[in-house]
Protein backbone atom coordinates (compact mmCIF):
# COMPACT_ATOMS: atom_id res chain seq x y z
CA MET A 1 30.31 -18.94 73.99
CA SER A 2 30.90 -15.21 72.96
CA GLU A 3 33.58 -16.52 70.03
CA ASP A 4 31.09 -18.27 68.53
CA GLY A 5 28.49 -15.22 69.05
CA THR A 6 31.20 -13.15 67.39
CA ASP A 7 31.68 -15.72 64.08
CA SER A 8 27.86 -15.70 64.19
CA GLY A 9 27.45 -11.92 63.68
CA ARG A 10 30.25 -11.92 61.11
CA ARG A 11 28.83 -14.72 58.87
CA ARG A 12 25.36 -12.90 59.15
CA PHE A 13 27.19 -9.73 58.46
CA LEU A 14 29.46 -10.99 55.30
CA LEU A 15 26.03 -12.99 54.24
CA GLY A 16 23.93 -10.07 54.00
CA SER A 17 26.38 -7.88 52.64
CA THR A 18 27.19 -10.41 49.73
CA SER A 19 23.75 -10.58 49.24
CA VAL A 20 23.05 -7.03 48.70
CA VAL A 21 26.27 -6.47 46.24
CA GLY A 22 24.86 -9.54 44.36
CA VAL A 23 21.46 -7.83 44.33
CA ALA A 24 22.86 -4.59 42.77
CA GLY A 25 24.80 -6.57 40.59
CA VAL A 26 21.69 -8.45 39.04
CA VAL A 27 19.51 -5.04 38.73
CA GLY A 28 22.96 -3.00 37.33
CA ALA A 29 23.12 -5.72 34.45
CA VAL A 30 18.83 -6.26 33.53
CA VAL A 31 18.20 -2.55 33.67
CA PRO A 32 19.64 -1.75 30.44
CA PHE A 33 18.68 -4.79 29.28
CA VAL A 34 15.13 -4.09 29.81
CA GLY A 35 15.70 -0.67 29.33
CA SER A 36 16.92 -1.96 25.43
CA TRP A 37 13.71 -3.29 24.61
CA SER A 38 11.83 0.44 24.52
CA PRO A 39 12.49 2.85 21.39
CA SER A 40 15.19 5.60 22.39
CA ALA A 41 13.53 8.92 22.41
CA LYS A 42 14.94 9.45 19.19
CA ALA A 43 12.82 6.33 17.40
CA ARG A 44 9.84 7.39 19.57
CA ALA A 45 9.84 10.96 17.50
CA ALA A 46 11.19 9.52 14.31
CA GLY A 47 7.36 8.27 14.35
CA ALA A 48 5.39 11.03 16.47
CA ALA A 49 2.96 13.15 14.65
CA VAL A 50 4.03 17.49 13.66
CA ARG A 51 2.43 20.13 14.43
CA VAL A 52 2.51 22.62 11.55
CA ASP A 53 1.49 26.40 11.80
CA ILE A 54 0.21 27.11 8.28
CA SER A 55 -1.48 30.24 8.90
CA SER A 56 1.61 32.41 7.62
CA ILE A 57 1.06 30.76 4.30
CA GLU A 58 0.09 33.04 1.15
CA PRO A 59 -2.09 31.60 -1.75
CA GLY A 60 0.89 30.29 -4.50
CA SER A 61 3.50 29.37 -1.79
CA ILE A 62 4.80 26.73 -0.32
CA LEU A 63 5.79 26.07 3.51
CA GLY A 64 8.70 23.76 3.47
CA PRO A 65 10.33 21.50 3.02
CA ILE A 66 10.07 20.96 6.64
CA PRO A 67 12.46 17.61 7.82
CA ALA A 68 10.42 16.67 10.20
CA TRP A 69 7.81 13.57 10.06
CA ARG A 70 9.57 10.09 10.08
CA GLY A 71 12.77 12.22 9.01
CA ARG A 72 11.13 12.87 5.63
CA PRO A 73 10.81 16.32 4.12
CA ILE A 74 7.08 17.11 3.80
CA PHE A 75 5.97 20.24 1.30
CA VAL A 76 2.42 22.42 2.40
CA VAL A 77 1.40 24.17 -0.36
CA ARG A 78 -1.50 26.75 -0.32
CA ARG A 79 -2.60 26.65 -3.86
CA SER A 80 -4.43 29.63 -5.76
CA GLU A 81 -7.48 29.59 -7.67
CA GLU A 82 -5.49 29.52 -10.80
CA ALA A 83 -3.51 26.45 -9.79
CA LEU A 84 -7.07 24.55 -8.75
CA ALA A 85 -8.60 25.47 -12.09
CA ALA A 86 -5.30 24.39 -13.95
CA LEU A 87 -5.33 21.37 -12.51
CA PRO A 88 -7.95 19.28 -14.34
CA THR A 89 -6.49 20.56 -17.68
CA GLN A 90 -3.41 18.33 -16.91
CA ASP A 91 -5.46 14.96 -16.61
CA GLU A 92 -4.79 13.62 -20.18
CA ARG A 93 -0.51 14.21 -19.84
CA LEU A 94 -0.83 12.44 -16.39
CA GLN A 95 0.23 8.37 -15.80
CA ASP A 96 -2.62 8.51 -12.87
CA PRO A 97 -4.28 11.19 -12.71
CA ASP A 98 -7.40 9.77 -10.64
CA SER A 99 -4.96 8.34 -8.48
CA THR A 100 -5.43 4.90 -8.56
CA GLN A 101 -2.55 3.80 -6.98
CA PRO A 102 -2.72 3.76 -2.94
CA GLU A 103 -0.07 6.98 -2.48
CA GLN A 104 -2.50 8.81 -0.29
CA PRO A 105 -5.16 8.03 2.39
CA GLU A 106 -8.87 7.65 1.34
CA TYR A 107 -9.72 11.38 2.32
CA ALA A 108 -7.23 12.45 -0.07
CA THR A 109 -8.44 10.27 -3.16
CA ASN A 110 -9.97 13.52 -5.22
CA GLU A 111 -9.11 15.51 -7.90
CA PHE A 112 -7.06 17.83 -4.82
CA ARG A 113 -5.36 14.76 -3.07
CA SER A 114 -6.38 16.80 -0.17
CA ARG A 115 -8.98 17.13 2.22
CA GLU A 116 -9.58 20.96 1.68
CA PRO A 117 -8.62 21.86 -1.96
CA GLU A 118 -6.56 24.91 -1.09
CA ILE A 119 -4.15 23.29 0.79
CA LEU A 120 -1.98 20.41 -0.19
CA VAL A 121 0.54 18.21 2.00
CA LEU A 122 3.32 16.05 0.80
CA VAL A 123 6.23 14.02 1.68
CA GLY A 124 9.01 16.29 -0.42
CA LEU A 125 10.39 12.89 -1.91
CA CYS A 126 10.12 11.30 -5.59
CA PRO A 127 8.87 8.05 -5.65
CA HIS A 128 11.58 6.99 -8.29
CA LEU A 129 15.03 7.39 -6.05
CA PHE A 130 13.52 9.56 -3.13
CA CYS A 131 15.45 12.66 -4.71
CA SER A 132 13.51 16.06 -3.23
CA PRO A 133 12.06 17.87 -6.16
CA THR A 134 11.90 21.38 -6.65
CA PRO A 135 8.54 22.93 -5.88
CA HIS A 136 7.64 25.31 -8.82
CA VAL A 137 4.22 26.77 -7.45
CA ALA A 138 3.73 29.61 -9.82
CA VAL A 139 1.42 28.79 -12.57
CA ARG A 140 3.63 29.47 -15.47
CA ALA A 141 6.01 27.59 -18.49
CA GLU A 142 9.39 26.25 -17.29
CA SER A 143 12.46 25.81 -19.57
CA PHE A 144 11.68 21.96 -19.08
CA ASP A 145 7.91 22.50 -19.68
CA GLU A 146 6.28 24.52 -22.05
CA GLN A 147 2.65 23.40 -20.63
CA TRP A 148 3.64 23.13 -17.16
CA LYS A 149 0.76 24.58 -14.79
CA GLY A 150 3.15 24.30 -11.63
CA GLY A 151 4.13 21.68 -9.47
CA PHE A 152 7.47 19.50 -8.31
CA PHE A 153 10.21 18.86 -10.86
CA CYS A 154 13.09 16.46 -9.49
CA PRO A 155 16.45 17.71 -11.40
CA CYS A 156 17.89 14.20 -10.55
CA HIS A 157 15.97 12.33 -13.54
CA GLY A 158 13.66 14.89 -14.69
CA SER A 159 10.49 13.33 -12.93
CA ARG A 160 7.80 15.97 -13.25
CA PHE A 161 4.60 15.88 -10.71
CA ASP A 162 1.72 18.55 -10.87
CA LEU A 163 0.12 20.61 -8.61
CA ALA A 164 -1.96 17.40 -6.44
CA GLY A 165 1.40 15.69 -6.43
CA ARG A 166 0.78 12.87 -9.82
CA VAL A 167 2.90 12.27 -11.99
CA TYR A 168 3.31 13.32 -15.60
CA GLN A 169 3.63 10.80 -18.34
CA GLY A 170 7.33 10.01 -19.47
CA SER A 171 8.89 10.63 -16.11
CA PRO A 172 10.71 8.02 -14.62
CA ALA A 173 9.05 8.18 -11.78
CA SER A 174 5.91 5.42 -12.03
CA ARG A 175 3.94 6.75 -9.24
CA ASN A 176 2.20 10.18 -7.68
CA MET A 177 4.34 11.85 -4.85
CA GLN A 178 2.67 10.61 -1.87
CA VAL A 179 0.34 12.17 0.43
CA PRO A 180 1.15 11.48 4.23
CA PRO A 181 -1.68 10.81 6.98
CA TYR A 182 -3.10 14.64 8.42
CA TYR A 183 -5.78 16.13 9.79
CA TYR A 184 -6.44 19.98 10.70
CA GLU A 185 -6.71 20.33 14.31
CA SER A 186 -7.54 24.21 13.96
CA ASP A 187 -8.11 26.27 10.82
CA SER A 188 -4.33 27.46 11.55
CA VAL A 189 -2.69 24.16 12.52
CA LEU A 190 -2.15 20.89 10.34
CA VAL A 191 -1.56 17.34 12.31
CA ILE A 192 0.82 15.89 10.16
CA GLY A 193 1.66 11.85 10.53
CA GLU A 194 -2.12 10.91 12.05
CA ASP A 195 -5.51 11.31 10.66
CA GLY A 196 -7.18 12.15 13.79
CA VAL A 197 -10.39 11.12 15.63
CA ASN A 198 -13.59 11.81 13.74
CA ALA A 199 -11.55 13.88 10.90
């Protein structure tokens, strides 16, 4: 009788330990599999909105490129009064002066391509082959354009854009530079990557 009791106890012990090991093995196999369904921290960060302090940008200067939003460089320009006044003088030389192609959110479909005339926010990539154009924010002639009034010049293939990111006729790029979604969190902080609630 005691022999049967001992064997029965051993069986229960072996059955219990085998079950525990089996459950641990299943959990060990399932957790990484389920974890692969969620995006990694790096993937989440790639699409996350970015906050940018613009309080130190002087008129006629640029902050950027900021390689922060979705891995793409961002240009933030504080345009001078002279630069704003020069924008309409270039319309006849531009491919899409009225920004009819959807390269910007609806709130930036205006002559300045921005929420506020002074601040311009652009994805710092040429839409031709996605090189990063060189900013020339001063309103003055340049060697590549005697009538230049400031803007962006892509040295890779010669595409030119004004200080609203609108492409000049004769450029390899066929579209204006992209304006990302953004809003003002405060007078000095931009949130790039979101339109904002009630913005």
